[in-house]
């Protein structure tokens, strides 16, 4: 085991203790809680460093020992999602959702799991909840992209376009999530044969960030249509 896997970082420990320390202690007792909090912080560190397999290895036993704690299932679900294990990821993210029903933070990721599993009715349900809650615009943007992509997967490009048309065309400040939304919308226009609108949105992206994704190639290709 690498040295940085043996002891959790101070910020991770502080976050775990502040967020779920009392809840864990209430389930397993103070002595076991100290051990689990340390392991949970290790899993959090591994996840944040992109070591998703390590995070999974550490967190899954914790989910069995201390079920029903939001942060535990969240880390498990997000790690499994990064590993492409959609069904298990959805299971843990649903448990996190049940433990903290007011939160919509992970709705886009959960919806993307259901999209991969072709459970499109669940994607629609989560998108509606996310829209109604209206949390951070970046989270809504990710949810919108997943919802539209699910419609496109089903072959309903026009409905996918309608969903993406809800994005802001001229925000006061263009952020990463705006570019991502515009790219999806432009791609959908291109797939539907609407070259004029596709070119307009691809140009808008290039104007704001000429190095975004494969925007140069897309504009070059669409120019030859």
C-alpha atoms as a PDB file:
ATOM      1  CA  UNK A   1       0.000   0.000   0.000  1.00  0.00           C
ATOM      2  CA  UNK A   2       1.317   3.420  -0.915  1.00  0.00           C
ATOM      3  CA  UNK A   3       2.211   5.775   1.894  1.00  0.00           C
ATOM      4  CA  UNK A   4      -0.579   8.217   1.052  1.00  0.00           C
ATOM      5  CA  UNK A   5      -3.096   5.366   1.378  1.00  0.00           C
ATOM      6  CA  UNK A   6      -2.124   4.550   4.968  1.00  0.00           C
ATOM      7  CA  UNK A   7      -3.200   7.814   6.532  1.00  0.00           C
ATOM      8  CA  UNK A   8      -5.964  10.113   5.395  1.00  0.00           C
ATOM      9  CA  UNK A   9      -5.302  13.783   4.794  1.00  0.00           C
ATOM     10  CA  UNK A  10      -6.302  16.255   7.483  1.00  0.00           C
ATOM     11  CA  UNK A  11      -8.876  17.990   5.235  1.00  0.00           C
ATOM     12  CA  UNK A  12     -10.546  14.669   4.373  1.00  0.00           C
ATOM     13  CA  UNK A  13     -10.681  13.634   8.032  1.00  0.00           C
ATOM     14  CA  UNK A  14     -12.091  17.003   9.057  1.00  0.00           C
ATOM     15  CA  UNK A  15     -14.746  16.844   6.334  1.00  0.00           C
ATOM     16  CA  UNK A  16     -15.848  13.326   7.240  1.00  0.00           C
ATOM     17  CA  UNK A  17     -15.952  14.064  10.969  1.00  0.00           C
ATOM     18  CA  UNK A  18     -17.921  17.276  10.471  1.00  0.00           C
ATOM     19  CA  UNK A  19     -20.319  15.793   7.938  1.00  0.00           C
ATOM     20  CA  UNK A  20     -21.127  12.300   9.198  1.00  0.00           C
ATOM     21  CA  UNK A  21     -18.983  11.631  12.275  1.00  0.00           C
ATOM     22  CA  UNK A  22     -21.870  11.719  14.765  1.00  0.00           C
ATOM     23  CA  UNK A  23     -24.117   9.658  12.505  1.00  0.00           C
ATOM     24  CA  UNK A  24     -21.501   6.937  12.106  1.00  0.00           C
ATOM     25  CA  UNK A  25     -20.884   6.883  15.872  1.00  0.00           C
ATOM     26  CA  UNK A  26     -24.616   6.563  16.437  1.00  0.00           C
ATOM     27  CA  UNK A  27     -24.719   3.466  14.243  1.00  0.00           C
ATOM     28  CA  UNK A  28     -21.541   1.585  15.208  1.00  0.00           C
ATOM     29  CA  UNK A  29     -20.434   3.199  18.490  1.00  0.00           C
ATOM     30  CA  UNK A  30     -17.554   5.544  19.254  1.00  0.00           C
ATOM     31  CA  UNK A  31     -14.722   3.006  19.073  1.00  0.00           C
ATOM     32  CA  UNK A  32     -15.676   1.545  15.693  1.00  0.00           C
ATOM     33  CA  UNK A  33     -16.568   5.014  14.419  1.00  0.00           C
ATOM     34  CA  UNK A  34     -12.992   6.251  14.798  1.00  0.00           C
ATOM     35  CA  UNK A  35     -11.744   3.423  12.582  1.00  0.00           C
ATOM     36  CA  UNK A  36     -14.502   3.861   9.992  1.00  0.00           C
ATOM     37  CA  UNK A  37     -14.064   7.632   9.831  1.00  0.00           C
ATOM     38  CA  UNK A  38     -10.364   7.103   9.070  1.00  0.00           C
ATOM     39  CA  UNK A  39     -11.170   4.614   6.321  1.00  0.00           C
ATOM     40  CA  UNK A  40     -13.903   6.807   4.887  1.00  0.00           C
ATOM     41  CA  UNK A  41     -11.463   9.717   4.728  1.00  0.00           C
ATOM     42  CA  UNK A  42      -8.968   7.446   2.943  1.00  0.00           C
ATOM     43  CA  UNK A  43     -11.642   6.557   0.396  1.00  0.00           C
ATOM     44  CA  UNK A  44     -12.437  10.236  -0.076  1.00  0.00           C
ATOM     45  CA  UNK A  45      -8.756  11.019  -0.655  1.00  0.00           C
ATOM     46  CA  UNK A  46      -8.455   8.189  -3.179  1.00  0.00           C
ATOM     47  CA  UNK A  47     -11.543   9.363  -5.052  1.00  0.00           C
ATOM     48  CA  UNK A  48     -10.408  12.973  -5.197  1.00  0.00           C
ATOM     49  CA  UNK A  49      -7.011  11.865  -6.547  1.00  0.00           C
ATOM     50  CA  UNK A  50      -8.692   9.853  -9.297  1.00  0.00           C
ATOM     51  CA  UNK A  51      -7.796   6.465  -7.793  1.00  0.00           C
ATOM     52  CA  UNK A  52     -11.289   5.089  -8.251  1.00  0.00           C
ATOM     53  CA  UNK A  53     -10.377   1.417  -7.919  1.00  0.00           C
ATOM     54  CA  UNK A  54      -8.671   2.144  -4.592  1.00  0.00           C
ATOM     55  CA  UNK A  55     -11.655   4.197  -3.464  1.00  0.00           C
ATOM     56  CA  UNK A  56     -13.978   1.312  -4.335  1.00  0.00           C
ATOM     57  CA  UNK A  57     -11.792  -1.220  -2.502  1.00  0.00           C
ATOM     58  CA  UNK A  58     -11.824   0.901   0.652  1.00  0.00           C
ATOM     59  CA  UNK A  59     -15.437   2.082   0.593  1.00  0.00           C
ATOM     60  CA  UNK A  60     -17.443  -1.052  -0.282  1.00  0.00           C
ATOM     61  CA  UNK A  61     -16.711  -2.848   3.033  1.00  0.00           C
ATOM     62  CA  UNK A  62     -17.693   0.358   4.853  1.00  0.00           C
ATOM     63  CA  UNK A  63     -21.082   0.410   3.081  1.00  0.00           C
ATOM     64  CA  UNK A  64     -21.787  -3.054   4.503  1.00  0.00           C
ATOM     65  CA  UNK A  65     -20.654  -2.156   8.009  1.00  0.00           C
ATOM     66  CA  UNK A  66     -22.397   1.219   8.196  1.00  0.00           C
ATOM     67  CA  UNK A  67     -25.306   1.335   5.767  1.00  0.00           C
ATOM     68  CA  UNK A  68     -27.538   4.359   5.293  1.00  0.00           C
ATOM     69  CA  UNK A  69     -24.962   7.146   5.680  1.00  0.00           C
ATOM     70  CA  UNK A  70     -25.176   9.614   2.812  1.00  0.00           C
ATOM     71  CA  UNK A  71     -21.465  10.343   2.355  1.00  0.00           C
ATOM     72  CA  UNK A  72     -20.515   6.654   2.436  1.00  0.00           C
ATOM     73  CA  UNK A  73     -22.936   5.701  -0.325  1.00  0.00           C
ATOM     74  CA  UNK A  74     -22.097   8.855  -2.263  1.00  0.00           C
ATOM     75  CA  UNK A  75     -18.381   8.026  -2.438  1.00  0.00           C
ATOM     76  CA  UNK A  76     -19.208   4.408  -3.294  1.00  0.00           C
ATOM     77  CA  UNK A  77     -21.643   5.421  -6.017  1.00  0.00           C
ATOM     78  CA  UNK A  78     -19.384   8.041  -7.576  1.00  0.00           C
ATOM     79  CA  UNK A  79     -16.382   5.683  -7.545  1.00  0.00           C
ATOM     80  CA  UNK A  80     -18.393   2.919  -9.207  1.00  0.00           C
ATOM     81  CA  UNK A  81     -19.722   5.411 -11.747  1.00  0.00           C
ATOM     82  CA  UNK A  82     -16.174   6.395 -12.681  1.00  0.00           C
ATOM     83  CA  UNK A  83     -15.419   2.693 -13.180  1.00  0.00           C
ATOM     84  CA  UNK A  84     -18.426   2.248 -15.470  1.00  0.00           C
ATOM     85  CA  UNK A  85     -20.267  -0.047 -13.054  1.00  0.00           C
ATOM     86  CA  UNK A  86     -23.631   1.576 -13.673  1.00  0.00           C
ATOM     87  CA  UNK A  87     -25.984  -0.758 -11.812  1.00  0.00           C
ATOM     88  CA  UNK A  88     -23.989  -0.835  -8.579  1.00  0.00           C
ATOM     89  CA  UNK A  89     -23.321   2.898  -8.852  1.00  0.00           C
ATOM     90  CA  UNK A  90     -27.044   3.599  -9.186  1.00  0.00           C
ATOM     91  CA  UNK A  91     -27.788   1.376  -6.194  1.00  0.00           C
ATOM     92  CA  UNK A  92     -25.433   3.317  -3.918  1.00  0.00           C
ATOM     93  CA  UNK A  93     -26.461   6.714  -5.264  1.00  0.00           C
ATOM     94  CA  UNK A  94     -30.099   5.793  -4.601  1.00  0.00           C
ATOM     95  CA  UNK A  95     -29.156   4.923  -1.016  1.00  0.00           C
ATOM     96  CA  UNK A  96     -27.390   8.283  -0.706  1.00  0.00           C
ATOM     97  CA  UNK A  97     -30.496   9.949  -2.138  1.00  0.00           C
ATOM     98  CA  UNK A  98     -32.712   8.177   0.403  1.00  0.00           C
ATOM     99  CA  UNK A  99     -30.437   9.282   3.245  1.00  0.00           C
ATOM    100  CA  UNK A 100     -30.527  12.919   2.074  1.00  0.00           C
ATOM    101  CA  UNK A 101     -33.697  13.324  -0.020  1.00  0.00           C
ATOM    102  CA  UNK A 102     -33.481  17.117  -0.245  1.00  0.00           C
ATOM    103  CA  UNK A 103     -30.170  16.985  -2.130  1.00  0.00           C
ATOM    104  CA  UNK A 104     -30.098  16.958  -5.939  1.00  0.00           C
ATOM    105  CA  UNK A 105     -26.315  17.265  -6.216  1.00  0.00           C
ATOM    106  CA  UNK A 106     -25.844  13.768  -7.637  1.00  0.00           C
ATOM    107  CA  UNK A 107     -28.963  13.674  -9.807  1.00  0.00           C
ATOM    108  CA  UNK A 108     -27.018  14.144 -13.074  1.00  0.00           C
ATOM    109  CA  UNK A 109     -24.672  11.251 -12.269  1.00  0.00           C
ATOM    110  CA  UNK A 110     -27.519   8.998 -11.138  1.00  0.00           C
ATOM    111  CA  UNK A 111     -29.492   9.904 -14.255  1.00  0.00           C
ATOM    112  CA  UNK A 112     -26.468   9.054 -16.404  1.00  0.00           C
ATOM    113  CA  UNK A 113     -26.298   5.629 -14.733  1.00  0.00           C
ATOM    114  CA  UNK A 114     -29.940   5.028 -15.633  1.00  0.00           C
ATOM    115  CA  UNK A 115     -29.276   6.304 -19.139  1.00  0.00           C
ATOM    116  CA  UNK A 116     -26.517   3.696 -19.522  1.00  0.00           C
ATOM    117  CA  UNK A 117     -28.943   1.058 -18.202  1.00  0.00           C
ATOM    118  CA  UNK A 118     -31.597   2.314 -20.681  1.00  0.00           C
ATOM    119  CA  UNK A 119     -34.010   3.090 -17.837  1.00  0.00           C
ATOM    120  CA  UNK A 120     -35.162   6.254 -19.501  1.00  0.00           C
ATOM    121  CA  UNK A 121     -38.192   6.782 -17.273  1.00  0.00           C
ATOM    122  CA  UNK A 122     -35.820   7.203 -14.313  1.00  0.00           C
ATOM    123  CA  UNK A 123     -33.785   9.740 -16.286  1.00  0.00           C
ATOM    124  CA  UNK A 124     -36.956  11.754 -16.915  1.00  0.00           C
ATOM    125  CA  UNK A 125     -37.965  11.535 -13.243  1.00  0.00           C
ATOM    126  CA  UNK A 126     -34.590  12.773 -12.013  1.00  0.00           C
ATOM    127  CA  UNK A 127     -34.481  15.568 -14.588  1.00  0.00           C
ATOM    128  CA  UNK A 128     -37.894  16.815 -13.465  1.00  0.00           C
ATOM    129  CA  UNK A 129     -36.800  16.790  -9.807  1.00  0.00           C
ATOM    130  CA  UNK A 130     -33.614  18.636 -10.709  1.00  0.00           C
ATOM    131  CA  UNK A 131     -35.431  21.309 -12.725  1.00  0.00           C
ATOM    132  CA  UNK A 132     -37.989  21.839  -9.970  1.00  0.00           C
ATOM    133  CA  UNK A 133     -35.265  22.177  -7.324  1.00  0.00           C
ATOM    134  CA  UNK A 134     -33.257  24.643  -9.467  1.00  0.00           C
ATOM    135  CA  UNK A 135     -29.912  24.215  -7.658  1.00  0.00           C
ATOM    136  CA  UNK A 136     -26.550  25.405  -8.958  1.00  0.00           C
ATOM    137  CA  UNK A 137     -26.731  26.220 -12.707  1.00  0.00           C
ATOM    138  CA  UNK A 138     -23.785  23.922 -13.460  1.00  0.00           C
ATOM    139  CA  UNK A 139     -25.630  20.973 -11.905  1.00  0.00           C
ATOM    140  CA  UNK A 140     -28.794  21.788 -13.851  1.00  0.00           C
ATOM    141  CA  UNK A 141     -26.685  21.988 -17.015  1.00  0.00           C
ATOM    142  CA  UNK A 142     -25.275  18.510 -16.448  1.00  0.00           C
ATOM    143  CA  UNK A 143     -28.767  17.167 -15.804  1.00  0.00           C
ATOM    144  CA  UNK A 144     -30.045  18.819 -18.967  1.00  0.00           C
ATOM    145  CA  UNK A 145     -27.249  17.239 -21.015  1.00  0.00           C
ATOM    146  CA  UNK A 146     -28.034  13.775 -19.647  1.00  0.00           C
ATOM    147  CA  UNK A 147     -31.787  14.204 -20.198  1.00  0.00           C
ATOM    148  CA  UNK A 148     -31.277  15.355 -23.787  1.00  0.00           C
ATOM    149  CA  UNK A 149     -28.739  12.626 -24.484  1.00  0.00           C
ATOM    150  CA  UNK A 150     -31.206  10.012 -23.239  1.00  0.00           C
ATOM    151  CA  UNK A 151     -33.813  11.302 -25.687  1.00  0.00           C
ATOM    152  CA  UNK A 152     -31.232  11.139 -28.467  1.00  0.00           C
ATOM    153  CA  UNK A 153     -30.362   7.570 -27.457  1.00  0.00           C
ATOM    154  CA  UNK A 154     -34.026   6.690 -27.990  1.00  0.00           C
ATOM    155  CA  UNK A 155     -33.891   8.278 -31.437  1.00  0.00           C
ATOM    156  CA  UNK A 156     -35.936  11.352 -30.507  1.00  0.00           C
ATOM    157  CA  UNK A 157     -33.482  14.011 -31.662  1.00  0.00           C
ATOM    158  CA  UNK A 158     -36.154  16.707 -31.878  1.00  0.00           C
ATOM    159  CA  UNK A 159     -37.142  16.303 -28.233  1.00  0.00           C
ATOM    160  CA  UNK A 160     -33.454  16.270 -27.294  1.00  0.00           C
ATOM    161  CA  UNK A 161     -33.049  19.589 -29.125  1.00  0.00           C
ATOM    162  CA  UNK A 162     -36.058  21.033 -27.289  1.00  0.00           C
ATOM    163  CA  UNK A 163     -34.520  20.129 -23.946  1.00  0.00           C
ATOM    164  CA  UNK A 164     -31.176  21.691 -24.858  1.00  0.00           C
ATOM    165  CA  UNK A 165     -32.802  24.850 -26.213  1.00  0.00           C
ATOM    166  CA  UNK A 166     -33.543  25.766 -22.583  1.00  0.00           C
ATOM    167  CA  UNK A 167     -29.879  26.654 -22.111  1.00  0.00           C
ATOM    168  CA  UNK A 168     -28.868  30.315 -21.858  1.00  0.00           C
ATOM    169  CA  UNK A 169     -27.716  31.707 -25.187  1.00  0.00           C
ATOM    170  CA  UNK A 170     -26.130  34.899 -23.864  1.00  0.00           C
ATOM    171  CA  UNK A 171     -25.127  34.536 -20.189  1.00  0.00           C
ATOM    172  CA  UNK A 172     -23.470  37.490 -18.479  1.00  0.00           C
ATOM    173  CA  UNK A 173     -20.357  35.342 -18.073  1.00  0.00           C
ATOM    174  CA  UNK A 174     -19.689  32.260 -20.187  1.00  0.00           C
ATOM    175  CA  UNK A 175     -18.674  29.324 -18.035  1.00  0.00           C
ATOM    176  CA  UNK A 176     -17.584  25.768 -18.763  1.00  0.00           C
ATOM    177  CA  UNK A 177     -21.086  24.363 -18.380  1.00  0.00           C
ATOM    178  CA  UNK A 178     -22.428  26.818 -20.945  1.00  0.00           C
ATOM    179  CA  UNK A 179     -19.872  25.589 -23.484  1.00  0.00           C
ATOM    180  CA  UNK A 180     -20.778  21.985 -22.732  1.00  0.00           C
ATOM    181  CA  UNK A 181     -24.479  22.694 -23.224  1.00  0.00           C
ATOM    182  CA  UNK A 182     -23.876  24.594 -26.445  1.00  0.00           C
ATOM    183  CA  UNK A 183     -21.722  21.768 -27.778  1.00  0.00           C
ATOM    184  CA  UNK A 184     -24.436  19.190 -27.146  1.00  0.00           C
ATOM    185  CA  UNK A 185     -27.039  21.451 -28.761  1.00  0.00           C
ATOM    186  CA  UNK A 186     -24.825  22.067 -31.804  1.00  0.00           C
ATOM    187  CA  UNK A 187     -24.157  18.345 -32.122  1.00  0.00           C
ATOM    188  CA  UNK A 188     -27.881  17.587 -31.970  1.00  0.00           C
ATOM    189  CA  UNK A 189     -28.604  20.182 -34.648  1.00  0.00           C
ATOM    190  CA  UNK A 190     -25.884  18.608 -36.787  1.00  0.00           C
ATOM    191  CA  UNK A 191     -27.335  15.122 -36.293  1.00  0.00           C
ATOM    192  CA  UNK A 192     -30.805  16.366 -37.184  1.00  0.00           C
ATOM    193  CA  UNK A 193     -29.533  17.891 -40.430  1.00  0.00           C
ATOM    194  CA  UNK A 194     -29.931  21.506 -39.301  1.00  0.00           C
ATOM    195  CA  UNK A 195     -26.512  22.635 -40.488  1.00  0.00           C
ATOM    196  CA  UNK A 196     -27.223  26.361 -40.154  1.00  0.00           C
ATOM    197  CA  UNK A 197     -28.039  26.205 -36.434  1.00  0.00           C
ATOM    198  CA  UNK A 198     -25.268  23.681 -35.808  1.00  0.00           C
ATOM    199  CA  UNK A 199     -22.704  25.991 -37.393  1.00  0.00           C
ATOM    200  CA  UNK A 200     -24.014  28.972 -35.415  1.00  0.00           C
ATOM    201  CA  UNK A 201     -23.592  27.208 -32.073  1.00  0.00           C
ATOM    202  CA  UNK A 202     -20.225  25.672 -32.937  1.00  0.00           C
ATOM    203  CA  UNK A 203     -19.003  29.158 -33.936  1.00  0.00           C
ATOM    204  CA  UNK A 204     -20.307  30.562 -30.658  1.00  0.00           C
ATOM    205  CA  UNK A 205     -18.279  27.987 -28.750  1.00  0.00           C
ATOM    206  CA  UNK A 206     -15.155  28.677 -30.823  1.00  0.00           C
ATOM    207  CA  UNK A 207     -15.524  32.418 -30.231  1.00  0.00           C
ATOM    208  CA  UNK A 208     -15.487  31.872 -26.461  1.00  0.00           C
ATOM    209  CA  UNK A 209     -12.950  29.028 -26.371  1.00  0.00           C
ATOM    210  CA  UNK A 210     -11.246  28.080 -29.651  1.00  0.00           C
ATOM    211  CA  UNK A 211      -9.610  25.061 -27.995  1.00  0.00           C
ATOM    212  CA  UNK A 212     -12.783  23.591 -26.520  1.00  0.00           C
ATOM    213  CA  UNK A 213     -13.049  19.843 -27.193  1.00  0.00           C
ATOM    214  CA  UNK A 214     -12.806  19.091 -30.941  1.00  0.00           C
ATOM    215  CA  UNK A 215     -14.497  22.347 -31.933  1.00  0.00           C
ATOM    216  CA  UNK A 216     -12.019  23.128 -34.737  1.00  0.00           C
ATOM    217  CA  UNK A 217     -12.627  19.742 -36.367  1.00  0.00           C
ATOM    218  CA  UNK A 218     -16.388  20.054 -35.987  1.00  0.00           C
ATOM    219  CA  UNK A 219     -16.436  23.462 -37.625  1.00  0.00           C
ATOM    220  CA  UNK A 220     -14.167  22.248 -40.400  1.00  0.00           C
ATOM    221  CA  UNK A 221     -16.386  19.223 -41.035  1.00  0.00           C
ATOM    222  CA  UNK A 222     -19.637  21.138 -40.935  1.00  0.00           C
ATOM    223  CA  UNK A 223     -18.237  23.737 -43.292  1.00  0.00           C
ATOM    224  CA  UNK A 224     -17.940  21.067 -45.955  1.00  0.00           C
ATOM    225  CA  UNK A 225     -21.581  19.985 -45.695  1.00  0.00           C
END
